[in-house]
Amino acid sequence: MQLNDLLLRRQARWRVGFISAGVALLVACFLSLSVGEIFILPWMPDGDLEQQLLVQLRMPRLFAALAIGASLAVSGAVLQVLLGNPLAEPGVLGISGGASLALVILMFVLPFVPSPMLTMFAAMLGALCFTLVLVGLSRRKRVSTARLLLIGVALGILSGAVVTWAFYFSDDLSLRMLMYWLMGSVAGVNWSQLSLLLIVFPILAWLCLQGRKLDLLMLGENQAKQLGLDVSAFRWRLILIVSLLVGASVALGGVIGFIGLVIPHLLRLGLGTENRYLLPLSAITGALLLAAADTLSRVLLPSAELPVGVVITSIGAPVFIWMLLRSHID
């Protein structure tokens, strides 16, 4: 009886979390479409100018923020299980840096403006290479959490150094694109780039349904195999999917860190570790955080707009330091 009560209370906590995050996400979407230099009611734009501003600028920006936030949060939650590391995250581990490095290489190999699918493929390939390095080290060398983080930071610094070199060989257009990717922004997203979402959303939905298998993986490889999970095949699928989501996110909005670190950790801390609930709620909360941060980036300064990556880093970096101190104390 006590076990049933415990399960019911736990499910009730998750239910409250889903409802609260869902309502907050709707509010964030309304504010994202409404707030700016001109206040617009999304269902009642006043004139052609407001309609163009809403449809051509704010709506693509919102959809990009939702997709990137959800993708990074779920990718972070999956990486934390895959690497057995509660501090794993695409930005901290350098995976986003690998995607941006591949985009820079593509920019110089193909100086014309690449198609959205080509940029996503290049970013996915860069993210995949860095992910394989980290997974190989975590499994074969059995490196500690601290060393894995240091390796990820080193990979990020390496990719950042190459990108910095690229500044000196760039024309004005390429330089603006590099700054766009490095600082993280969804301000320049248009409808043609959002064709990536036709791939991202189905894959993201599939990944959110893999929570039960991830719960088995958390028990250990031997136990998961005994319970019928093909661990090797499942792990490789996760690596490919995470690389694709991170690559698409970087191709759309540049390098945006800490979402995949902060969101899953806080949800585990407050609600529990069941991945079948954690993954979809991470997607909702990650989308909420990035949509809210993008709205803040537009209104914090009266005459300028902050890159959303700066806003997210300002929130995520202190939380990351707190997590490091907390894990050291534990």
C-alpha atoms as a PDB file:
ATOM      1  CA  MET A   1       0.000   0.000   0.000  1.00  0.00           C
ATOM      2  CA  GLN A   2       2.802   2.395   0.852  1.00  0.00           C
ATOM      3  CA  LEU A   3       4.510   1.598  -2.467  1.00  0.00           C
ATOM      4  CA  ASN A   4       1.314   2.402  -4.378  1.00  0.00           C
ATOM      5  CA  ASP A   5       0.948   5.690  -2.507  1.00  0.00           C
ATOM      6  CA  LEU A   6       4.549   6.556  -3.305  1.00  0.00           C
ATOM      7  CA  LEU A   7       4.025   5.831  -7.007  1.00  0.00           C
ATOM      8  CA  LEU A   8       0.818   7.880  -7.075  1.00  0.00           C
ATOM      9  CA  ARG A   9       2.524  10.848  -5.406  1.00  0.00           C
ATOM     10  CA  ARG A  10       5.421  10.625  -7.840  1.00  0.00           C
ATOM     11  CA  GLN A  11       3.077  10.535 -10.838  1.00  0.00           C
ATOM     12  CA  ALA A  12       1.174  13.488  -9.392  1.00  0.00           C
ATOM     13  CA  ARG A  13       4.424  15.482  -9.184  1.00  0.00           C
ATOM     14  CA  TRP A  14       5.191  14.761 -12.824  1.00  0.00           C
ATOM     15  CA  ARG A  15       1.626  15.677 -13.799  1.00  0.00           C
ATOM     16  CA  VAL A  16       1.901  19.022 -12.028  1.00  0.00           C
ATOM     17  CA  GLY A  17       5.248  19.570 -13.740  1.00  0.00           C
ATOM     18  CA  PHE A  18       3.789  18.907 -17.194  1.00  0.00           C
ATOM     19  CA  ILE A  19       0.779  21.168 -16.613  1.00  0.00           C
ATOM     20  CA  SER A  20       2.879  24.004 -15.164  1.00  0.00           C
ATOM     21  CA  ALA A  21       5.474  23.829 -17.941  1.00  0.00           C
ATOM     22  CA  GLY A  22       2.768  23.633 -20.609  1.00  0.00           C
ATOM     23  CA  VAL A  23       0.946  26.715 -19.318  1.00  0.00           C
ATOM     24  CA  ALA A  24       4.221  28.632 -18.951  1.00  0.00           C
ATOM     25  CA  LEU A  25       5.191  27.656 -22.510  1.00  0.00           C
ATOM     26  CA  LEU A  26       1.928  29.049 -23.886  1.00  0.00           C
ATOM     27  CA  VAL A  27       2.535  32.327 -22.039  1.00  0.00           C
ATOM     28  CA  ALA A  28       6.123  32.462 -23.347  1.00  0.00           C
ATOM     29  CA  CYS A  29       4.899  31.894 -26.918  1.00  0.00           C
ATOM     30  CA  PHE A  30       2.353  34.708 -26.591  1.00  0.00           C
ATOM     31  CA  LEU A  31       4.991  37.098 -25.254  1.00  0.00           C
ATOM     32  CA  SER A  32       7.481  36.078 -27.940  1.00  0.00           C
ATOM     33  CA  LEU A  33       5.005  36.926 -30.689  1.00  0.00           C
ATOM     34  CA  SER A  34       3.762  40.105 -29.009  1.00  0.00           C
ATOM     35  CA  VAL A  35       6.733  41.852 -27.406  1.00  0.00           C
ATOM     36  CA  GLY A  36       9.242  43.980 -29.293  1.00  0.00           C
ATOM     37  CA  GLU A  37       9.638  47.445 -30.747  1.00  0.00           C
ATOM     38  CA  ILE A  38       5.973  47.173 -31.721  1.00  0.00           C
ATOM     39  CA  PHE A  39       3.492  45.348 -29.474  1.00  0.00           C
ATOM     40  CA  ILE A  40       1.312  43.022 -31.549  1.00  0.00           C
ATOM     41  CA  LEU A  41      -1.627  40.861 -30.575  1.00  0.00           C
ATOM     42  CA  PRO A  42      -0.914  37.603 -32.461  1.00  0.00           C
ATOM     43  CA  TRP A  43      -4.556  36.986 -33.353  1.00  0.00           C
ATOM     44  CA  MET A  44      -5.231  40.606 -34.402  1.00  0.00           C
ATOM     45  CA  PRO A  45      -2.311  42.294 -36.212  1.00  0.00           C
ATOM     46  CA  ASP A  46      -3.113  45.908 -37.054  1.00  0.00           C
ATOM     47  CA  GLY A  47      -2.206  46.496 -40.693  1.00  0.00           C
ATOM     48  CA  ASP A  48       0.175  44.979 -43.225  1.00  0.00           C
ATOM     49  CA  LEU A  49       3.324  46.069 -41.385  1.00  0.00           C
ATOM     50  CA  GLU A  50       2.382  44.264 -38.192  1.00  0.00           C
ATOM     51  CA  GLN A  51       1.261  41.191 -40.123  1.00  0.00           C
ATOM     52  CA  GLN A  52       4.573  41.041 -42.006  1.00  0.00           C
ATOM     53  CA  LEU A  53       6.502  41.566 -38.776  1.00  0.00           C
ATOM     54  CA  LEU A  54       4.550  38.776 -37.099  1.00  0.00           C
ATOM     55  CA  VAL A  55       4.630  36.239 -39.935  1.00  0.00           C
ATOM     56  CA  GLN A  56       8.053  36.862 -41.462  1.00  0.00           C
ATOM     57  CA  LEU A  57      10.133  37.679 -38.376  1.00  0.00           C
ATOM     58  CA  ARG A  58       8.606  36.692 -35.057  1.00  0.00           C
ATOM     59  CA  MET A  59       6.958  33.389 -35.970  1.00  0.00           C
ATOM     60  CA  PRO A  60      10.068  31.800 -37.584  1.00  0.00           C
ATOM     61  CA  ARG A  61      12.106  33.063 -34.649  1.00  0.00           C
ATOM     62  CA  LEU A  62       9.722  31.480 -32.149  1.00  0.00           C
ATOM     63  CA  PHE A  63       9.598  28.128 -33.954  1.00  0.00           C
ATOM     64  CA  ALA A  64      13.396  28.048 -34.121  1.00  0.00           C
ATOM     65  CA  ALA A  65      13.695  28.835 -30.404  1.00  0.00           C
ATOM     66  CA  LEU A  66      11.205  26.094 -29.510  1.00  0.00           C
ATOM     67  CA  ALA A  67      12.962  23.498 -31.664  1.00  0.00           C
ATOM     68  CA  ILE A  68      16.479  24.395 -30.503  1.00  0.00           C
ATOM     69  CA  GLY A  69      15.540  24.566 -26.826  1.00  0.00           C
ATOM     70  CA  ALA A  70      13.733  21.225 -26.925  1.00  0.00           C
ATOM     71  CA  SER A  71      16.504  19.537 -28.926  1.00  0.00           C
ATOM     72  CA  LEU A  72      19.325  20.701 -26.662  1.00  0.00           C
ATOM     73  CA  ALA A  73      17.480  19.847 -23.445  1.00  0.00           C
ATOM     74  CA  VAL A  74      16.599  16.322 -24.583  1.00  0.00           C
ATOM     75  CA  SER A  75      20.089  15.801 -26.028  1.00  0.00           C
ATOM     76  CA  GLY A  76      21.598  16.787 -22.692  1.00  0.00           C
ATOM     77  CA  ALA A  77      19.343  14.383 -20.798  1.00  0.00           C
ATOM     78  CA  VAL A  78      20.272  11.529 -23.155  1.00  0.00           C
ATOM     79  CA  LEU A  79      24.009  12.295 -23.004  1.00  0.00           C
ATOM     80  CA  GLN A  80      23.917  12.230 -19.219  1.00  0.00           C
ATOM     81  CA  VAL A  81      22.600   8.662 -19.324  1.00  0.00           C
ATOM     82  CA  LEU A  82      24.747   7.610 -22.272  1.00  0.00           C
ATOM     83  CA  LEU A  83      27.997   8.795 -20.676  1.00  0.00           C
ATOM     84  CA  GLY A  84      26.966   8.071 -17.100  1.00  0.00           C
ATOM     85  CA  ASN A  85      27.813  11.684 -16.300  1.00  0.00           C
ATOM     86  CA  PRO A  86      25.309  14.085 -14.676  1.00  0.00           C
ATOM     87  CA  LEU A  87      27.275  17.083 -15.975  1.00  0.00           C
ATOM     88  CA  ALA A  88      27.241  16.020 -19.641  1.00  0.00           C
ATOM     89  CA  GLU A  89      25.832  18.578 -22.083  1.00  0.00           C
ATOM     90  CA  PRO A  90      26.463  19.341 -25.782  1.00  0.00           C
ATOM     91  CA  GLY A  91      27.986  22.766 -25.123  1.00  0.00           C
ATOM     92  CA  VAL A  92      30.113  21.860 -22.104  1.00  0.00           C
ATOM     93  CA  LEU A  93      31.422  18.685 -23.772  1.00  0.00           C
ATOM     94  CA  GLY A  94      32.418  20.532 -26.936  1.00  0.00           C
ATOM     95  CA  ILE A  95      29.886  18.777 -29.197  1.00  0.00           C
ATOM     96  CA  SER A  96      28.314  22.077 -30.234  1.00  0.00           C
ATOM     97  CA  GLY A  97      31.827  23.341 -30.925  1.00  0.00           C
ATOM     98  CA  GLY A  98      32.384  20.405 -33.270  1.00  0.00           C
ATOM     99  CA  ALA A  99      29.220  21.314 -35.154  1.00  0.00           C
ATOM    100  CA  SER A 100      30.270  24.959 -35.476  1.00  0.00           C
ATOM    101  CA  LEU A 101      33.754  23.897 -36.619  1.00  0.00           C
ATOM    102  CA  ALA A 102      32.222  21.799 -39.400  1.00  0.00           C
ATOM    103  CA  LEU A 103      30.083  24.758 -40.475  1.00  0.00           C
ATOM    104  CA  VAL A 104      33.148  27.001 -40.674  1.00  0.00           C
ATOM    105  CA  ILE A 105      34.951  24.428 -42.824  1.00  0.00           C
ATOM    106  CA  LEU A 106      31.877  24.214 -45.070  1.00  0.00           C
ATOM    107  CA  MET A 107      31.812  28.001 -45.347  1.00  0.00           C
ATOM    108  CA  PHE A 108      35.349  28.077 -46.727  1.00  0.00           C
ATOM    109  CA  VAL A 109      35.058  24.996 -48.933  1.00  0.00           C
ATOM    110  CA  LEU A 110      31.758  26.194 -50.431  1.00  0.00           C
ATOM    111  CA  PRO A 111      31.820  30.006 -50.304  1.00  0.00           C
ATOM    112  CA  PHE A 112      28.283  30.341 -51.668  1.00  0.00           C
ATOM    113  CA  VAL A 113      25.419  30.195 -49.162  1.00  0.00           C
ATOM    114  CA  PRO A 114      24.748  26.472 -48.527  1.00  0.00           C
ATOM    115  CA  SER A 115      21.259  25.014 -48.344  1.00  0.00           C
ATOM    116  CA  PRO A 116      19.733  24.393 -44.893  1.00  0.00           C
ATOM    117  CA  MET A 117      19.985  20.619 -45.373  1.00  0.00           C
ATOM    118  CA  LEU A 118      23.659  20.859 -46.311  1.00  0.00           C
ATOM    119  CA  THR A 119      24.477  23.004 -43.292  1.00  0.00           C
ATOM    120  CA  MET A 120      22.634  20.573 -41.023  1.00  0.00           C
ATOM    121  CA  PHE A 121      24.508  17.614 -42.518  1.00  0.00           C
ATOM    122  CA  ALA A 122      27.865  19.350 -41.993  1.00  0.00           C
ATOM    123  CA  ALA A 123      26.996  20.358 -38.434  1.00  0.00           C
ATOM    124  CA  MET A 124      25.717  16.858 -37.671  1.00  0.00           C
ATOM    125  CA  LEU A 125      28.962  15.345 -38.982  1.00  0.00           C
ATOM    126  CA  GLY A 126      31.050  17.637 -36.785  1.00  0.00           C
ATOM    127  CA  ALA A 127      28.896  16.911 -33.744  1.00  0.00           C
ATOM    128  CA  LEU A 128      29.061  13.167 -34.466  1.00  0.00           C
ATOM    129  CA  CYS A 129      32.874  13.164 -34.612  1.00  0.00           C
ATOM    130  CA  PHE A 130      33.184  14.909 -31.252  1.00  0.00           C
ATOM    131  CA  THR A 131      30.493  12.677 -29.704  1.00  0.00           C
ATOM    132  CA  LEU A 132      32.308   9.528 -30.844  1.00  0.00           C
ATOM    133  CA  VAL A 133      35.531  10.769 -29.238  1.00  0.00           C
ATOM    134  CA  LEU A 134      33.772  11.362 -25.919  1.00  0.00           C
ATOM    135  CA  VAL A 135      31.835   8.089 -25.954  1.00  0.00           C
ATOM    136  CA  GLY A 136      34.970   6.136 -26.854  1.00  0.00           C
ATOM    137  CA  LEU A 137      36.954   7.719 -24.035  1.00  0.00           C
ATOM    138  CA  SER A 138      34.198   7.264 -21.470  1.00  0.00           C
ATOM    139  CA  ARG A 139      33.763   3.572 -22.319  1.00  0.00           C
ATOM    140  CA  ARG A 140      37.262   2.331 -23.147  1.00  0.00           C
ATOM    141  CA  LYS A 141      39.484   4.493 -20.972  1.00  0.00           C
ATOM    142  CA  ARG A 142      37.006   4.749 -18.083  1.00  0.00           C
ATOM    143  CA  VAL A 143      37.897   8.387 -17.546  1.00  0.00           C
ATOM    144  CA  SER A 144      36.488  10.157 -14.512  1.00  0.00           C
ATOM    145  CA  THR A 145      33.762  12.776 -14.645  1.00  0.00           C
ATOM    146  CA  ALA A 146      36.266  15.578 -14.092  1.00  0.00           C
ATOM    147  CA  ARG A 147      38.582  14.354 -16.862  1.00  0.00           C
ATOM    148  CA  LEU A 148      35.721  13.893 -19.308  1.00  0.00           C
ATOM    149  CA  LEU A 149      34.606  17.464 -18.666  1.00  0.00           C
ATOM    150  CA  LEU A 150      38.165  18.702 -19.160  1.00  0.00           C
ATOM    151  CA  ILE A 151      38.444  16.774 -22.435  1.00  0.00           C
ATOM    152  CA  GLY A 152      35.153  18.290 -23.600  1.00  0.00           C
ATOM    153  CA  VAL A 153      36.308  21.766 -22.636  1.00  0.00           C
ATOM    154  CA  ALA A 154      39.589  21.162 -24.495  1.00  0.00           C
ATOM    155  CA  LEU A 155      37.695  20.067 -27.614  1.00  0.00           C
ATOM    156  CA  GLY A 156      35.562  23.191 -27.373  1.00  0.00           C
ATOM    157  CA  ILE A 157      38.659  25.378 -27.024  1.00  0.00           C
ATOM    158  CA  LEU A 158      40.255  23.639 -30.009  1.00  0.00           C
ATOM    159  CA  SER A 159      37.232  24.232 -32.217  1.00  0.00           C
ATOM    160  CA  GLY A 160      37.016  27.814 -30.952  1.00  0.00           C
ATOM    161  CA  ALA A 161      40.660  28.389 -31.874  1.00  0.00           C
ATOM    162  CA  VAL A 162      40.074  27.171 -35.428  1.00  0.00           C
ATOM    163  CA  VAL A 163      36.990  29.378 -35.722  1.00  0.00           C
ATOM    164  CA  THR A 164      39.011  32.346 -34.440  1.00  0.00           C
ATOM    165  CA  TRP A 165      41.625  31.703 -37.119  1.00  0.00           C
ATOM    166  CA  ALA A 166      38.789  31.828 -39.636  1.00  0.00           C
ATOM    167  CA  PHE A 167      38.053  35.426 -38.626  1.00  0.00           C
ATOM    168  CA  TYR A 168      41.282  36.551 -40.261  1.00  0.00           C
ATOM    169  CA  PHE A 169      40.392  35.005 -43.616  1.00  0.00           C
ATOM    170  CA  SER A 170      36.733  36.047 -43.781  1.00  0.00           C
ATOM    171  CA  ASP A 171      34.958  38.684 -45.800  1.00  0.00           C
ATOM    172  CA  ASP A 172      32.266  40.841 -44.210  1.00  0.00           C
ATOM    173  CA  LEU A 173      29.419  38.408 -44.909  1.00  0.00           C
ATOM    174  CA  SER A 174      31.321  35.394 -43.586  1.00  0.00           C
ATOM    175  CA  LEU A 175      32.394  37.377 -40.532  1.00  0.00           C
ATOM    176  CA  ARG A 176      28.783  38.187 -39.669  1.00  0.00           C
ATOM    177  CA  MET A 177      27.838  34.519 -40.039  1.00  0.00           C
ATOM    178  CA  LEU A 178      30.713  33.476 -37.773  1.00  0.00           C
ATOM    179  CA  MET A 179      29.665  35.947 -35.088  1.00  0.00           C
ATOM    180  CA  TYR A 180      26.096  34.717 -35.447  1.00  0.00           C
ATOM    181  CA  TRP A 181      27.123  31.109 -34.777  1.00  0.00           C
ATOM    182  CA  LEU A 182      29.574  31.863 -31.991  1.00  0.00           C
ATOM    183  CA  MET A 183      27.257  34.061 -29.912  1.00  0.00           C
ATOM    184  CA  GLY A 184      24.055  32.111 -30.526  1.00  0.00           C
ATOM    185  CA  SER A 185      21.021  33.855 -32.002  1.00  0.00           C
ATOM    186  CA  VAL A 186      17.714  33.030 -33.674  1.00  0.00           C
ATOM    187  CA  ALA A 187      17.181  36.580 -34.947  1.00  0.00           C
ATOM    188  CA  GLY A 188      18.030  35.789 -38.572  1.00  0.00           C
ATOM    189  CA  VAL A 189      16.043  32.577 -38.977  1.00  0.00           C
ATOM    190  CA  ASN A 190      13.634  32.509 -41.925  1.00  0.00           C
ATOM    191  CA  TRP A 191      11.014  30.081 -43.182  1.00  0.00           C
ATOM    192  CA  SER A 192      13.359  28.359 -45.646  1.00  0.00           C
ATOM    193  CA  GLN A 193      15.746  27.455 -42.826  1.00  0.00           C
ATOM    194  CA  LEU A 194      12.846  26.052 -40.831  1.00  0.00           C
ATOM    195  CA  SER A 195      12.561  23.238 -43.375  1.00  0.00           C
ATOM    196  CA  LEU A 196      15.018  21.522 -41.018  1.00  0.00           C
ATOM    197  CA  LEU A 197      12.171  21.155 -38.540  1.00  0.00           C
ATOM    198  CA  LEU A 198      10.512  18.614 -40.840  1.00  0.00           C
ATOM    199  CA  ILE A 199      13.365  16.321 -39.801  1.00  0.00           C
ATOM    200  CA  VAL A 200      13.964  17.588 -36.270  1.00  0.00           C
ATOM    201  CA  PHE A 201      10.448  17.320 -34.833  1.00  0.00           C
ATOM    202  CA  PRO A 202       9.779  13.649 -35.794  1.00  0.00           C
ATOM    203  CA  ILE A 203      13.222  12.626 -34.502  1.00  0.00           C
ATOM    204  CA  LEU A 204      12.705  14.604 -31.316  1.00  0.00           C
ATOM    205  CA  ALA A 205       9.318  12.932 -30.797  1.00  0.00           C
ATOM    206  CA  TRP A 206      10.893   9.481 -31.303  1.00  0.00           C
ATOM    207  CA  LEU A 207      13.660  10.280 -28.816  1.00  0.00           C
ATOM    208  CA  CYS A 208      11.158  11.400 -26.182  1.00  0.00           C
ATOM    209  CA  LEU A 209       9.523   7.955 -26.435  1.00  0.00           C
ATOM    210  CA  GLN A 210      12.773   6.123 -25.591  1.00  0.00           C
ATOM    211  CA  GLY A 211      12.562   6.883 -21.879  1.00  0.00           C
ATOM    212  CA  ARG A 212      11.824   3.316 -20.775  1.00  0.00           C
ATOM    213  CA  LYS A 213      14.857   1.986 -22.646  1.00  0.00           C
ATOM    214  CA  LEU A 214      17.015   4.686 -21.097  1.00  0.00           C
ATOM    215  CA  ASP A 215      15.692   3.652 -17.688  1.00  0.00           C
ATOM    216  CA  LEU A 216      16.901   0.123 -18.455  1.00  0.00           C
ATOM    217  CA  LEU A 217      20.282   1.474 -19.565  1.00  0.00           C
ATOM    218  CA  MET A 218      20.649   3.280 -16.244  1.00  0.00           C
ATOM    219  CA  LEU A 219      20.492  -0.103 -14.488  1.00  0.00           C
ATOM    220  CA  GLY A 220      23.732  -1.150 -16.197  1.00  0.00           C
ATOM    221  CA  GLU A 221      24.588  -2.951 -19.425  1.00  0.00           C
ATOM    222  CA  ASN A 222      24.251  -6.493 -18.063  1.00  0.00           C
ATOM    223  CA  GLN A 223      20.862  -5.876 -16.484  1.00  0.00           C
ATOM    224  CA  ALA A 224      19.622  -4.090 -19.609  1.00  0.00           C
ATOM    225  CA  LYS A 225      20.711  -7.014 -21.804  1.00  0.00           C
ATOM    226  CA  GLN A 226      18.996  -9.491 -19.497  1.00  0.00           C
ATOM    227  CA  LEU A 227      15.802  -7.458 -19.807  1.00  0.00           C
ATOM    228  CA  GLY A 228      15.931  -7.693 -23.610  1.00  0.00           C
ATOM    229  CA  LEU A 229      17.584  -4.427 -24.662  1.00  0.00           C
ATOM    230  CA  ASP A 230      20.101  -4.523 -27.517  1.00  0.00           C
ATOM    231  CA  VAL A 231      22.470  -2.133 -25.753  1.00  0.00           C
ATOM    232  CA  SER A 232      25.005  -1.686 -28.549  1.00  0.00           C
ATOM    233  CA  ALA A 233      22.458  -0.944 -31.284  1.00  0.00           C
ATOM    234  CA  PHE A 234      20.462   1.342 -28.994  1.00  0.00           C
ATOM    235  CA  ARG A 235      23.574   3.287 -27.970  1.00  0.00           C
ATOM    236  CA  TRP A 236      24.594   3.865 -31.589  1.00  0.00           C
ATOM    237  CA  ARG A 237      21.098   5.051 -32.473  1.00  0.00           C
ATOM    238  CA  LEU A 238      21.243   7.523 -29.599  1.00  0.00           C
ATOM    239  CA  ILE A 239      24.650   8.808 -30.713  1.00  0.00           C
ATOM    240  CA  LEU A 240      23.384   9.433 -34.249  1.00  0.00           C
ATOM    241  CA  ILE A 241      20.151  11.056 -33.083  1.00  0.00           C
ATOM    242  CA  VAL A 242      21.856  13.343 -30.565  1.00  0.00           C
ATOM    243  CA  SER A 243      24.429  14.374 -33.177  1.00  0.00           C
ATOM    244  CA  LEU A 244      21.661  15.189 -35.653  1.00  0.00           C
ATOM    245  CA  LEU A 245      19.709  17.258 -33.117  1.00  0.00           C
ATOM    246  CA  VAL A 246      22.793  19.166 -31.957  1.00  0.00           C
ATOM    247  CA  GLY A 247      23.878  19.730 -35.568  1.00  0.00           C
ATOM    248  CA  ALA A 248      20.457  21.055 -36.553  1.00  0.00           C
ATOM    249  CA  SER A 249      20.391  23.314 -33.481  1.00  0.00           C
ATOM    250  CA  VAL A 250      23.800  24.808 -34.280  1.00  0.00           C
ATOM    251  CA  ALA A 251      22.862  25.217 -37.958  1.00  0.00           C
ATOM    252  CA  LEU A 252      19.747  27.174 -36.945  1.00  0.00           C
ATOM    253  CA  GLY A 253      20.887  29.186 -33.948  1.00  0.00           C
ATOM    254  CA  GLY A 254      24.624  28.833 -33.462  1.00  0.00           C
ATOM    255  CA  VAL A 255      26.326  27.650 -30.279  1.00  0.00           C
ATOM    256  CA  ILE A 256      23.890  27.944 -27.358  1.00  0.00           C
ATOM    257  CA  GLY A 257      25.147  26.298 -24.197  1.00  0.00           C
ATOM    258  CA  PHE A 258      23.879  25.117 -20.817  1.00  0.00           C
ATOM    259  CA  ILE A 259      20.263  24.296 -21.787  1.00  0.00           C
ATOM    260  CA  GLY A 260      21.074  20.585 -21.944  1.00  0.00           C
ATOM    261  CA  LEU A 261      22.823  20.843 -18.586  1.00  0.00           C
ATOM    262  CA  VAL A 262      20.489  22.977 -16.510  1.00  0.00           C
ATOM    263  CA  ILE A 263      17.075  21.665 -17.562  1.00  0.00           C
ATOM    264  CA  PRO A 264      17.536  17.868 -17.053  1.00  0.00           C
ATOM    265  CA  HIS A 265      19.488  18.359 -13.825  1.00  0.00           C
ATOM    266  CA  LEU A 266      16.893  20.618 -12.216  1.00  0.00           C
ATOM    267  CA  LEU A 267      14.049  18.338 -13.308  1.00  0.00           C
ATOM    268  CA  ARG A 268      15.808  15.290 -11.849  1.00  0.00           C
ATOM    269  CA  LEU A 269      16.456  17.210  -8.664  1.00  0.00           C
ATOM    270  CA  GLY A 270      12.880  18.389  -8.287  1.00  0.00           C
ATOM    271  CA  LEU A 271      10.744  15.619  -9.784  1.00  0.00           C
ATOM    272  CA  GLY A 272      12.672  12.366 -10.218  1.00  0.00           C
ATOM    273  CA  THR A 273      14.843  10.356 -12.567  1.00  0.00           C
ATOM    274  CA  GLU A 274      12.264   8.440 -14.633  1.00  0.00           C
ATOM    275  CA  ASN A 275      13.347   9.134 -18.203  1.00  0.00           C
ATOM    276  CA  ARG A 276       9.945   8.237 -19.656  1.00  0.00           C
ATOM    277  CA  TYR A 277       8.674  11.441 -18.015  1.00  0.00           C
ATOM    278  CA  LEU A 278      11.927  13.374 -17.933  1.00  0.00           C
ATOM    279  CA  LEU A 279      12.555  13.433 -21.692  1.00  0.00           C
ATOM    280  CA  PRO A 280       9.223  14.956 -22.831  1.00  0.00           C
ATOM    281  CA  LEU A 281       9.205  17.389 -19.913  1.00  0.00           C
ATOM    282  CA  SER A 282      12.799  18.375 -20.741  1.00  0.00           C
ATOM    283  CA  ALA A 283      11.650  19.131 -24.296  1.00  0.00           C
ATOM    284  CA  ILE A 284       8.814  21.357 -23.054  1.00  0.00           C
ATOM    285  CA  THR A 285      10.965  23.122 -20.453  1.00  0.00           C
ATOM    286  CA  GLY A 286      13.911  23.595 -22.822  1.00  0.00           C
ATOM    287  CA  ALA A 287      11.600  25.153 -25.407  1.00  0.00           C
ATOM    288  CA  LEU A 288      10.137  27.373 -22.675  1.00  0.00           C
ATOM    289  CA  LEU A 289      13.567  28.529 -21.472  1.00  0.00           C
ATOM    290  CA  LEU A 290      14.899  29.461 -24.907  1.00  0.00           C
ATOM    291  CA  ALA A 291      11.664  31.181 -25.984  1.00  0.00           C
ATOM    292  CA  ALA A 292      11.670  33.222 -22.765  1.00  0.00           C
ATOM    293  CA  ALA A 293      15.394  34.023 -23.106  1.00  0.00           C
ATOM    294  CA  ASP A 294      14.887  35.153 -26.707  1.00  0.00           C
ATOM    295  CA  THR A 295      12.089  37.477 -25.619  1.00  0.00           C
ATOM    296  CA  LEU A 296      14.309  38.877 -22.857  1.00  0.00           C
ATOM    297  CA  SER A 297      17.130  39.435 -25.343  1.00  0.00           C
ATOM    298  CA  ARG A 298      14.836  41.770 -27.284  1.00  0.00           C
ATOM    299  CA  VAL A 299      13.670  43.906 -24.358  1.00  0.00           C
ATOM    300  CA  LEU A 300      16.608  44.069 -21.915  1.00  0.00           C
ATOM    301  CA  LEU A 301      18.347  46.863 -23.840  1.00  0.00           C
ATOM    302  CA  PRO A 302      16.285  49.791 -25.173  1.00  0.00           C
ATOM    303  CA  SER A 303      18.234  50.390 -28.392  1.00  0.00           C
ATOM    304  CA  ALA A 304      19.903  47.043 -29.116  1.00  0.00           C
ATOM    305  CA  GLU A 305      19.310  43.307 -29.017  1.00  0.00           C
ATOM    306  CA  LEU A 306      21.399  40.835 -27.058  1.00  0.00           C
ATOM    307  CA  PRO A 307      22.286  37.458 -28.596  1.00  0.00           C
ATOM    308  CA  VAL A 308      20.164  34.809 -26.927  1.00  0.00           C
ATOM    309  CA  GLY A 309      23.295  32.751 -26.269  1.00  0.00           C
ATOM    310  CA  VAL A 310      24.550  35.517 -23.961  1.00  0.00           C
ATOM    311  CA  VAL A 311      21.299  35.484 -21.979  1.00  0.00           C
ATOM    312  CA  ILE A 312      21.327  31.684 -21.647  1.00  0.00           C
ATOM    313  CA  THR A 313      24.988  31.659 -20.585  1.00  0.00           C
ATOM    314  CA  SER A 314      24.280  34.319 -17.956  1.00  0.00           C
ATOM    315  CA  ILE A 315      21.667  31.983 -16.490  1.00  0.00           C
ATOM    316  CA  GLY A 316      23.409  28.655 -17.052  1.00  0.00           C
ATOM    317  CA  ALA A 317      26.983  29.412 -15.986  1.00  0.00           C
ATOM    318  CA  PRO A 318      26.132  30.138 -12.306  1.00  0.00           C
ATOM    319  CA  VAL A 319      23.963  27.014 -12.202  1.00  0.00           C
ATOM    320  CA  PHE A 320      26.825  24.981 -13.684  1.00  0.00           C
ATOM    321  CA  ILE A 321      29.209  26.272 -10.999  1.00  0.00           C
ATOM    322  CA  TRP A 322      26.664  25.376  -8.329  1.00  0.00           C
ATOM    323  CA  MET A 323      26.317  21.876  -9.791  1.00  0.00           C
ATOM    324  CA  LEU A 324      30.102  21.385  -9.761  1.00  0.00           C
ATOM    325  CA  LEU A 325      30.314  22.503  -6.135  1.00  0.00           C
ATOM    326  CA  ARG A 326      27.360  20.337  -5.175  1.00  0.00           C
ATOM    327  CA  SER A 327      28.802  17.226  -6.863  1.00  0.00           C
ATOM    328  CA  HIS A 328      32.142  17.866  -5.121  1.00  0.00           C
ATOM    329  CA  ILE A 329      30.399  18.119  -1.746  1.00  0.00           C
ATOM    330  CA  ASP A 330      28.390  14.958  -2.443  1.00  0.00           C
END
